[in-house]
């Protein structure tokens, strides 16, 4: 499978930003059978959690950034995550 060029990465970004987290995750898992989950909900900043997928066959790295807030429901504290940003970048191997 060939590496994605800049236009294809931009198209993927536009496609993913309209999805929720689970839809985007499923799309990325189906896109590249050799792809792997680099990290899941890693806290790089306060209130922002990052999940990264390395799509090795496509020469692309996709980071899904989620916002977090706590909400009280029925006397219990529930965490709610919302996809706020998608970052699509080439891997160092991809020079396209």
PDB file of N, CA and C in Angstrom:
ATOM      1  N   UNK A   1       0.843  -1.175   0.000  1.00  0.00           N
ATOM      2  CA  UNK A   1       0.000   0.000   0.000  1.00  0.00           C
ATOM      3  C   UNK A   1       0.891   1.241   0.000  1.00  0.00           C
ATOM      4  N   UNK A   2       0.532   2.241  -0.753  1.00  0.00           N
ATOM      5  CA  UNK A   2       1.342   3.447  -0.891  1.00  0.00           C
ATOM      6  C   UNK A   2       1.085   4.418   0.263  1.00  0.00           C
ATOM      7  N   UNK A   3       2.082   5.251   0.514  1.00  0.00           N
ATOM      8  CA  UNK A   3       1.953   6.276   1.547  1.00  0.00           C
ATOM      9  C   UNK A   3       0.950   7.349   1.108  1.00  0.00           C
ATOM     10  N   UNK A   4       0.323   7.979   2.084  1.00  0.00           N
ATOM     11  CA  UNK A   4      -0.612   9.066   1.791  1.00  0.00           C
ATOM     12  C   UNK A   4       0.168  10.342   1.521  1.00  0.00           C
ATOM     13  N   UNK A   5      -0.248  11.098   0.494  1.00  0.00           N
ATOM     14  CA  UNK A   5       0.373  12.391   0.250  1.00  0.00           C
ATOM     15  C   UNK A   5      -0.403  13.472   1.020  1.00  0.00           C
ATOM     16  N   UNK A   6      -0.004  14.720   0.861  1.00  0.00           N
ATOM     17  CA  UNK A   6      -0.586  15.821   1.641  1.00  0.00           C
ATOM     18  C   UNK A   6      -2.092  15.961   1.393  1.00  0.00           C
ATOM     19  N   UNK A   7      -2.539  15.833   0.157  1.00  0.00           N
ATOM     20  CA  UNK A   7      -3.962  15.964  -0.160  1.00  0.00           C
ATOM     21  C   UNK A   7      -4.772  14.840   0.480  1.00  0.00           C
ATOM     22  N   UNK A   8      -4.250  13.635   0.437  1.00  0.00           N
ATOM     23  CA  UNK A   8      -4.955  12.503   1.031  1.00  0.00           C
ATOM     24  C   UNK A   8      -5.016  12.618   2.557  1.00  0.00           C
ATOM     25  N   UNK A   9      -3.941  13.130   3.159  1.00  0.00           N
ATOM     26  CA  UNK A   9      -3.956  13.338   4.614  1.00  0.00           C
ATOM     27  C   UNK A   9      -4.967  14.412   4.996  1.00  0.00           C
ATOM     28  N   UNK A  10      -5.063  15.468   4.194  1.00  0.00           N
ATOM     29  CA  UNK A  10      -6.039  16.527   4.459  1.00  0.00           C
ATOM     30  C   UNK A  10      -7.466  15.993   4.312  1.00  0.00           C
ATOM     31  N   UNK A  11      -7.696  15.147   3.326  1.00  0.00           N
ATOM     32  CA  UNK A  11      -9.009  14.530   3.132  1.00  0.00           C
ATOM     33  C   UNK A  11      -9.374  13.652   4.328  1.00  0.00           C
ATOM     34  N   UNK A  12      -8.401  12.874   4.831  1.00  0.00           N
ATOM     35  CA  UNK A  12      -8.616  12.046   6.017  1.00  0.00           C
ATOM     36  C   UNK A  12      -8.930  12.902   7.233  1.00  0.00           C
ATOM     37  N   UNK A  13      -8.223  14.007   7.392  1.00  0.00           N
ATOM     38  CA  UNK A  13      -8.476  14.930   8.509  1.00  0.00           C
ATOM     39  C   UNK A  13      -9.895  15.471   8.461  1.00  0.00           C
ATOM     40  N   UNK A  14     -10.339  15.919   7.292  1.00  0.00           N
ATOM     41  CA  UNK A  14     -11.697  16.459   7.154  1.00  0.00           C
ATOM     42  C   UNK A  14     -12.758  15.401   7.425  1.00  0.00           C
ATOM     43  N   UNK A  15     -12.457  14.169   7.043  1.00  0.00           N
ATOM     44  CA  UNK A  15     -13.392  13.070   7.271  1.00  0.00           C
ATOM     45  C   UNK A  15     -13.504  12.740   8.772  1.00  0.00           C
ATOM     46  N   UNK A  16     -12.368  12.717   9.456  1.00  0.00           N
ATOM     47  CA  UNK A  16     -12.350  12.320  10.864  1.00  0.00           C
ATOM     48  C   UNK A  16     -12.902  13.384  11.805  1.00  0.00           C
ATOM     49  N   UNK A  17     -12.733  14.662  11.467  1.00  0.00           N
ATOM     50  CA  UNK A  17     -13.145  15.706  12.406  1.00  0.00           C
ATOM     51  C   UNK A  17     -14.662  15.808  12.552  1.00  0.00           C
ATOM     52  N   UNK A  18     -15.410  15.226  11.623  1.00  0.00           N
ATOM     53  CA  UNK A  18     -16.869  15.242  11.710  1.00  0.00           C
ATOM     54  C   UNK A  18     -17.420  14.038  12.469  1.00  0.00           C
ATOM     55  N   UNK A  19     -16.548  13.121  12.894  1.00  0.00           N
ATOM     56  CA  UNK A  19     -16.982  11.907  13.592  1.00  0.00           C
ATOM     57  C   UNK A  19     -16.797  12.057  15.097  1.00  0.00           C
ATOM     58  N   UNK A  20     -17.461  11.178  15.846  1.00  0.00           N
ATOM     59  CA  UNK A  20     -17.158  11.124  17.272  1.00  0.00           C
ATOM     60  C   UNK A  20     -15.956  10.197  17.462  1.00  0.00           C
ATOM     61  N   UNK A  21     -15.465  10.083  18.691  1.00  0.00           N
ATOM     62  CA  UNK A  21     -14.236   9.341  18.951  1.00  0.00           C
ATOM     63  C   UNK A  21     -14.324   7.886  18.511  1.00  0.00           C
ATOM     64  N   UNK A  22     -15.388   7.200  18.862  1.00  0.00           N
ATOM     65  CA  UNK A  22     -15.511   5.784  18.528  1.00  0.00           C
ATOM     66  C   UNK A  22     -15.600   5.548  17.028  1.00  0.00           C
ATOM     67  N   UNK A  23     -16.296   6.400  16.322  1.00  0.00           N
ATOM     68  CA  UNK A  23     -16.381   6.272  14.870  1.00  0.00           C
ATOM     69  C   UNK A  23     -15.004   6.488  14.230  1.00  0.00           C
ATOM     70  N   UNK A  24     -14.281   7.502  14.701  1.00  0.00           N
ATOM     71  CA  UNK A  24     -12.944   7.789  14.173  1.00  0.00           C
ATOM     72  C   UNK A  24     -11.988   6.628  14.469  1.00  0.00           C
ATOM     73  N   UNK A  25     -12.081   6.087  15.668  1.00  0.00           N
ATOM     74  CA  UNK A  25     -11.221   4.959  16.047  1.00  0.00           C
ATOM     75  C   UNK A  25     -11.486   3.749  15.142  1.00  0.00           C
ATOM     76  N   UNK A  26     -12.750   3.430  14.908  1.00  0.00           N
ATOM     77  CA  UNK A  26     -13.090   2.300  14.030  1.00  0.00           C
ATOM     78  C   UNK A  26     -12.604   2.549  12.602  1.00  0.00           C
ATOM     79  N   UNK A  27     -12.752   3.768  12.121  1.00  0.00           N
ATOM     80  CA  UNK A  27     -12.319   4.115  10.760  1.00  0.00           C
ATOM     81  C   UNK A  27     -10.810   3.910  10.616  1.00  0.00           C
ATOM     82  N   UNK A  28     -10.049   4.346  11.613  1.00  0.00           N
ATOM     83  CA  UNK A  28      -8.600   4.213  11.559  1.00  0.00           C
ATOM     84  C   UNK A  28      -8.158   2.759  11.665  1.00  0.00           C
ATOM     85  N   UNK A  29      -8.852   1.971  12.477  1.00  0.00           N
ATOM     86  CA  UNK A  29      -8.496   0.557  12.615  1.00  0.00           C
ATOM     87  C   UNK A  29      -8.739  -0.214  11.309  1.00  0.00           C
ATOM     88  N   UNK A  30      -9.794   0.150  10.575  1.00  0.00           N
ATOM     89  CA  UNK A  30     -10.097  -0.506   9.298  1.00  0.00           C
ATOM     90  C   UNK A  30      -9.210  -0.001   8.167  1.00  0.00           C
ATOM     91  N   UNK A  31      -8.729   1.220   8.277  1.00  0.00           N
ATOM     92  CA  UNK A  31      -7.960   1.846   7.204  1.00  0.00           C
ATOM     93  C   UNK A  31      -6.632   1.144   6.943  1.00  0.00           C
ATOM     94  N   UNK A  32      -5.951   0.721   8.018  1.00  0.00           N
ATOM     95  CA  UNK A  32      -4.640   0.096   7.872  1.00  0.00           C
ATOM     96  C   UNK A  32      -4.566  -1.152   8.749  1.00  0.00           C
ATOM     97  N   UNK A  33      -4.539  -2.335   8.147  1.00  0.00           N
ATOM     98  CA  UNK A  33      -4.486  -3.559   8.951  1.00  0.00           C
ATOM     99  C   UNK A  33      -3.198  -3.696   9.762  1.00  0.00           C
ATOM    100  N   UNK A  34      -2.121  -3.037   9.328  1.00  0.00           N
ATOM    101  CA  UNK A  34      -0.870  -3.084  10.076  1.00  0.00           C
ATOM    102  C   UNK A  34      -0.728  -1.919  11.051  1.00  0.00           C
ATOM    103  N   UNK A  35      -1.715  -1.057  11.107  1.00  0.00           N
ATOM    104  CA  UNK A  35      -1.669   0.085  12.009  1.00  0.00           C
ATOM    105  C   UNK A  35      -1.706  -0.357  13.466  1.00  0.00           C
ATOM    106  N   UNK A  36      -1.198   0.508  14.344  1.00  0.00           N
ATOM    107  CA  UNK A  36      -1.193   0.156  15.759  1.00  0.00           C
ATOM    108  C   UNK A  36      -1.581   1.356  16.602  1.00  0.00           C
ATOM    109  N   UNK A  37      -2.067   1.058  17.777  1.00  0.00           N
ATOM    110  CA  UNK A  37      -2.422   2.079  18.753  1.00  0.00           C
ATOM    111  C   UNK A  37      -1.164   2.421  19.533  1.00  0.00           C
ATOM    112  N   UNK A  38      -0.653   3.642  19.375  1.00  0.00           N
ATOM    113  CA  UNK A  38       0.591   4.045  20.046  1.00  0.00           C
ATOM    114  C   UNK A  38       0.329   4.344  21.523  1.00  0.00           C
ATOM    115  N   UNK A  39      -0.703   5.147  21.804  1.00  0.00           N
ATOM    116  CA  UNK A  39      -1.127   5.374  23.189  1.00  0.00           C
ATOM    117  C   UNK A  39      -2.592   5.766  23.225  1.00  0.00           C
ATOM    118  N   UNK A  40      -3.234   5.481  24.371  1.00  0.00           N
ATOM    119  CA  UNK A  40      -4.674   5.679  24.524  1.00  0.00           C
ATOM    120  C   UNK A  40      -4.950   6.625  25.691  1.00  0.00           C
ATOM    121  N   UNK A  41      -5.610   7.736  25.405  1.00  0.00           N
ATOM    122  CA  UNK A  41      -5.992   8.738  26.391  1.00  0.00           C
ATOM    123  C   UNK A  41      -4.843   9.111  27.317  1.00  0.00           C
ATOM    124  N   UNK A  42      -3.746   9.474  26.696  1.00  0.00           N
ATOM    125  CA  UNK A  42      -2.563   9.926  27.399  1.00  0.00           C
ATOM    126  C   UNK A  42      -2.755  11.401  27.750  1.00  0.00           C
ATOM    127  N   UNK A  43      -2.547  11.770  29.005  1.00  0.00           N
ATOM    128  CA  UNK A  43      -2.776  13.141  29.462  1.00  0.00           C
ATOM    129  C   UNK A  43      -1.519  13.977  29.239  1.00  0.00           C
ATOM    130  N   UNK A  44      -1.504  14.759  28.183  1.00  0.00           N
ATOM    131  CA  UNK A  44      -0.382  15.653  27.891  1.00  0.00           C
ATOM    132  C   UNK A  44      -0.618  17.036  28.484  1.00  0.00           C
ATOM    133  N   UNK A  45      -1.869  17.431  28.587  1.00  0.00           N
ATOM    134  CA  UNK A  45      -2.251  18.726  29.136  1.00  0.00           C
ATOM    135  C   UNK A  45      -3.445  18.504  30.051  1.00  0.00           C
ATOM    136  N   UNK A  46      -3.709  19.463  30.912  1.00  0.00           N
ATOM    137  CA  UNK A  46      -4.845  19.355  31.815  1.00  0.00           C
ATOM    138  C   UNK A  46      -6.139  19.422  31.004  1.00  0.00           C
ATOM    139  N   UNK A  47      -7.000  18.429  31.187  1.00  0.00           N
ATOM    140  CA  UNK A  47      -8.301  18.416  30.518  1.00  0.00           C
ATOM    141  C   UNK A  47      -8.266  17.969  29.072  1.00  0.00           C
ATOM    142  N   UNK A  48      -7.104  17.561  28.549  1.00  0.00           N
ATOM    143  CA  UNK A  48      -6.981  17.103  27.158  1.00  0.00           C
ATOM    144  C   UNK A  48      -6.309  15.744  27.167  1.00  0.00           C
ATOM    145  N   UNK A  49      -6.938  14.804  26.495  1.00  0.00           N
ATOM    146  CA  UNK A  49      -6.418  13.445  26.421  1.00  0.00           C
ATOM    147  C   UNK A  49      -6.144  13.112  24.962  1.00  0.00           C
ATOM    148  N   UNK A  50      -4.995  12.499  24.711  1.00  0.00           N
ATOM    149  CA  UNK A  50      -4.587  12.213  23.339  1.00  0.00           C
ATOM    150  C   UNK A  50      -4.491  10.715  23.110  1.00  0.00           C
ATOM    151  N   UNK A  51      -5.017  10.292  21.973  1.00  0.00           N
ATOM    152  CA  UNK A  51      -4.919   8.902  21.525  1.00  0.00           C
ATOM    153  C   UNK A  51      -4.245   8.938  20.163  1.00  0.00           C
ATOM    154  N   UNK A  52      -3.168   8.167  20.009  1.00  0.00           N
ATOM    155  CA  UNK A  52      -2.424   8.197  18.744  1.00  0.00           C
ATOM    156  C   UNK A  52      -2.439   6.834  18.071  1.00  0.00           C
ATOM    157  N   UNK A  53      -2.672   6.878  16.763  1.00  0.00           N
ATOM    158  CA  UNK A  53      -2.616   5.696  15.905  1.00  0.00           C
ATOM    159  C   UNK A  53      -1.479   5.879  14.916  1.00  0.00           C
ATOM    160  N   UNK A  54      -0.599   4.895  14.818  1.00  0.00           N
ATOM    161  CA  UNK A  54       0.454   4.894  13.802  1.00  0.00           C
ATOM    162  C   UNK A  54       0.013   3.981  12.673  1.00  0.00           C
ATOM    163  N   UNK A  55      -0.263   4.573  11.528  1.00  0.00           N
ATOM    164  CA  UNK A  55      -0.682   3.820  10.346  1.00  0.00           C
ATOM    165  C   UNK A  55       0.559   3.579   9.505  1.00  0.00           C
ATOM    166  N   UNK A  56       1.274   2.504   9.817  1.00  0.00           N
ATOM    167  CA  UNK A  56       2.591   2.248   9.226  1.00  0.00           C
ATOM    168  C   UNK A  56       2.543   2.043   7.726  1.00  0.00           C
ATOM    169  N   UNK A  57       1.557   1.325   7.228  1.00  0.00           N
ATOM    170  CA  UNK A  57       1.470   1.062   5.785  1.00  0.00           C
ATOM    171  C   UNK A  57       1.166   2.332   4.998  1.00  0.00           C
ATOM    172  N   UNK A  58       0.530   3.307   5.649  1.00  0.00           N
ATOM    173  CA  UNK A  58       0.151   4.547   4.969  1.00  0.00           C
ATOM    174  C   UNK A  58       1.136   5.683   5.236  1.00  0.00           C
ATOM    175  N   UNK A  59       2.126   5.455   6.114  1.00  0.00           N
ATOM    176  CA  UNK A  59       3.107   6.491   6.415  1.00  0.00           C
ATOM    177  C   UNK A  59       2.491   7.689   7.101  1.00  0.00           C
ATOM    178  N   UNK A  60       1.524   7.444   7.978  1.00  0.00           N
ATOM    179  CA  UNK A  60       0.768   8.526   8.609  1.00  0.00           C
ATOM    180  C   UNK A  60       0.597   8.266  10.090  1.00  0.00           C
ATOM    181  N   UNK A  61       0.595   9.342  10.867  1.00  0.00           N
ATOM    182  CA  UNK A  61       0.348   9.278  12.296  1.00  0.00           C
ATOM    183  C   UNK A  61      -0.876  10.169  12.587  1.00  0.00           C
ATOM    184  N   UNK A  62      -1.878   9.598  13.243  1.00  0.00           N
ATOM    185  CA  UNK A  62      -3.115  10.331  13.537  1.00  0.00           C
ATOM    186  C   UNK A  62      -3.281  10.431  15.043  1.00  0.00           C
ATOM    187  N   UNK A  63      -3.479  11.649  15.531  1.00  0.00           N
ATOM    188  CA  UNK A  63      -3.692  11.888  16.954  1.00  0.00           C
ATOM    189  C   UNK A  63      -5.091  12.444  17.144  1.00  0.00           C
ATOM    190  N   UNK A  64      -5.872  11.769  17.980  1.00  0.00           N
ATOM    191  CA  UNK A  64      -7.220  12.233  18.325  1.00  0.00           C
ATOM    192  C   UNK A  64      -7.138  12.892  19.702  1.00  0.00           C
ATOM    193  N   UNK A  65      -7.544  14.155  19.789  1.00  0.00           N
ATOM    194  CA  UNK A  65      -7.479  14.910  21.038  1.00  0.00           C
ATOM    195  C   UNK A  65      -8.893  15.058  21.578  1.00  0.00           C
ATOM    196  N   UNK A  66      -9.074  14.639  22.826  1.00  0.00           N
ATOM    197  CA  UNK A  66     -10.383  14.706  23.468  1.00  0.00           C
ATOM    198  C   UNK A  66     -10.370  15.698  24.618  1.00  0.00           C
ATOM    199  N   UNK A  67     -11.478  16.380  24.786  1.00  0.00           N
ATOM    200  CA  UNK A  67     -11.688  17.216  25.955  1.00  0.00           C
ATOM    201  C   UNK A  67     -12.423  16.410  27.005  1.00  0.00           C
ATOM    202  N   UNK A  68     -12.222  16.754  28.257  1.00  0.00           N
ATOM    203  CA  UNK A  68     -12.799  15.982  29.358  1.00  0.00           C
ATOM    204  C   UNK A  68     -13.531  16.931  30.305  1.00  0.00           C
ATOM    205  N   UNK A  69     -14.684  16.463  30.749  1.00  0.00           N
ATOM    206  CA  UNK A  69     -15.359  17.196  31.822  1.00  0.00           C
ATOM    207  C   UNK A  69     -16.155  16.202  32.637  1.00  0.00           C
ATOM    208  N   UNK A  70     -16.283  16.510  33.908  1.00  0.00           N
ATOM    209  CA  UNK A  70     -17.030  15.660  34.823  1.00  0.00           C
ATOM    210  C   UNK A  70     -18.444  16.202  34.970  1.00  0.00           C
ATOM    211  N   UNK A  71     -19.397  15.304  35.036  1.00  0.00           N
ATOM    212  CA  UNK A  71     -20.789  15.688  35.193  1.00  0.00           C
ATOM    213  C   UNK A  71     -21.430  14.793  36.252  1.00  0.00           C
ATOM    214  N   UNK A  72     -22.207  15.401  37.112  1.00  0.00           N
ATOM    215  CA  UNK A  72     -22.900  14.625  38.139  1.00  0.00           C
ATOM    216  C   UNK A  72     -24.246  14.164  37.590  1.00  0.00           C
ATOM    217  N   UNK A  73     -24.442  12.847  37.617  1.00  0.00           N
ATOM    218  CA  UNK A  73     -25.707  12.268  37.171  1.00  0.00           C
ATOM    219  C   UNK A  73     -26.177  11.301  38.239  1.00  0.00           C
ATOM    220  N   UNK A  74     -27.375  11.514  38.717  1.00  0.00           N
ATOM    221  CA  UNK A  74     -27.968  10.648  39.738  1.00  0.00           C
ATOM    222  C   UNK A  74     -27.061  10.491  40.957  1.00  0.00           C
ATOM    223  N   UNK A  75     -26.410  11.564  41.336  1.00  0.00           N
ATOM    224  CA  UNK A  75     -25.556  11.536  42.514  1.00  0.00           C
ATOM    225  C   UNK A  75     -24.207  10.882  42.291  1.00  0.00           C
ATOM    226  N   UNK A  76     -23.879  10.518  41.057  1.00  0.00           N
ATOM    227  CA  UNK A  76     -22.599   9.894  40.746  1.00  0.00           C
ATOM    228  C   UNK A  76     -21.829  10.796  39.786  1.00  0.00           C
ATOM    229  N   UNK A  77     -20.539  10.766  39.905  1.00  0.00           N
ATOM    230  CA  UNK A  77     -19.681  11.561  39.049  1.00  0.00           C
ATOM    231  C   UNK A  77     -19.338  10.763  37.791  1.00  0.00           C
ATOM    232  N   UNK A  78     -19.712  11.278  36.640  1.00  0.00           N
ATOM    233  CA  UNK A  78     -19.464  10.606  35.364  1.00  0.00           C
ATOM    234  C   UNK A  78     -18.497  11.444  34.532  1.00  0.00           C
ATOM    235  N   UNK A  79     -17.587  10.790  33.854  1.00  0.00           N
ATOM    236  CA  UNK A  79     -16.664  11.474  32.957  1.00  0.00           C
ATOM    237  C   UNK A  79     -17.246  11.489  31.556  1.00  0.00           C
ATOM    238  N   UNK A  80     -17.167  12.638  30.921  1.00  0.00           N
ATOM    239  CA  UNK A  80     -17.634  12.769  29.547  1.00  0.00           C
ATOM    240  C   UNK A  80     -16.481  13.257  28.687  1.00  0.00           C
ATOM    241  N   UNK A  81     -16.216  12.531  27.609  1.00  0.00           N
ATOM    242  CA  UNK A  81     -15.149  12.882  26.685  1.00  0.00           C
ATOM    243  C   UNK A  81     -15.756  13.344  25.371  1.00  0.00           C
ATOM    244  N   UNK A  82     -15.111  14.335  24.753  1.00  0.00           N
ATOM    245  CA  UNK A  82     -15.584  14.866  23.490  1.00  0.00           C
ATOM    246  C   UNK A  82     -14.379  15.087  22.571  1.00  0.00           C
ATOM    247  N   UNK A  83     -14.465  14.633  21.335  1.00  0.00           N
ATOM    248  CA  UNK A  83     -13.385  14.812  20.368  1.00  0.00           C
ATOM    249  C   UNK A  83     -13.321  16.288  19.979  1.00  0.00           C
ATOM    250  N   UNK A  84     -12.195  16.946  20.270  1.00  0.00           N
ATOM    251  CA  UNK A  84     -12.081  18.375  20.007  1.00  0.00           C
ATOM    252  C   UNK A  84     -11.103  18.710  18.883  1.00  0.00           C
ATOM    253  N   UNK A  85     -10.163  17.790  18.597  1.00  0.00           N
ATOM    254  CA  UNK A  85      -9.164  18.088  17.575  1.00  0.00           C
ATOM    255  C   UNK A  85      -8.634  16.791  16.978  1.00  0.00           C
ATOM    256  N   UNK A  86      -8.294  16.839  15.708  1.00  0.00           N
ATOM    257  CA  UNK A  86      -7.672  15.708  15.021  1.00  0.00           C
ATOM    258  C   UNK A  86      -6.392  16.222  14.368  1.00  0.00           C
ATOM    259  N   UNK A  87      -5.286  15.520  14.599  1.00  0.00           N
ATOM    260  CA  UNK A  87      -4.000  15.895  14.010  1.00  0.00           C
ATOM    261  C   UNK A  87      -3.547  14.743  13.117  1.00  0.00           C
ATOM    262  N   UNK A  88      -3.331  15.032  11.841  1.00  0.00           N
ATOM    263  CA  UNK A  88      -2.855  14.029  10.880  1.00  0.00           C
ATOM    264  C   UNK A  88      -1.515  14.519  10.366  1.00  0.00           C
ATOM    265  N   UNK A  89      -0.463  13.711  10.585  1.00  0.00           N
ATOM    266  CA  UNK A  89       0.878  14.116  10.173  1.00  0.00           C
ATOM    267  C   UNK A  89       1.609  12.927   9.561  1.00  0.00           C
ATOM    268  N   UNK A  90       2.596  13.195   8.707  1.00  0.00           N
ATOM    269  CA  UNK A  90       3.351  12.093   8.103  1.00  0.00           C
ATOM    270  C   UNK A  90       4.361  11.517   9.085  1.00  0.00           C
ATOM    271  N   UNK A  91       4.699  10.255   8.889  1.00  0.00           N
ATOM    272  CA  UNK A  91       5.767   9.656   9.678  1.00  0.00           C
ATOM    273  C   UNK A  91       7.107  10.093   9.065  1.00  0.00           C
ATOM    274  N   UNK A  92       8.211   9.905   9.775  1.00  0.00           N
ATOM    275  CA  UNK A  92       9.504  10.318   9.214  1.00  0.00           C
ATOM    276  C   UNK A  92       9.851   9.594   7.901  1.00  0.00           C
ATOM    277  N   UNK A  93       9.311   8.383   7.697  1.00  0.00           N
ATOM    278  CA  UNK A  93       9.574   7.650   6.451  1.00  0.00           C
ATOM    279  C   UNK A  93       8.884   8.272   5.251  1.00  0.00           C
ATOM    280  N   UNK A  94       7.760   8.935   5.494  1.00  0.00           N
ATOM    281  CA  UNK A  94       6.923   9.472   4.414  1.00  0.00           C
ATOM    282  C   UNK A  94       7.443  10.828   3.974  1.00  0.00           C
ATOM    283  N   UNK A  95       7.950  10.895   2.767  1.00  0.00           N
ATOM    284  CA  UNK A  95       8.495  12.154   2.237  1.00  0.00           C
ATOM    285  C   UNK A  95       7.574  12.770   1.189  1.00  0.00           C
ATOM    286  N   UNK A  96       6.348  12.246   1.088  1.00  0.00           N
ATOM    287  CA  UNK A  96       5.423  12.745   0.062  1.00  0.00           C
ATOM    288  C   UNK A  96       4.712  13.989   0.522  1.00  0.00           C
TER     289      UNK A  96
END
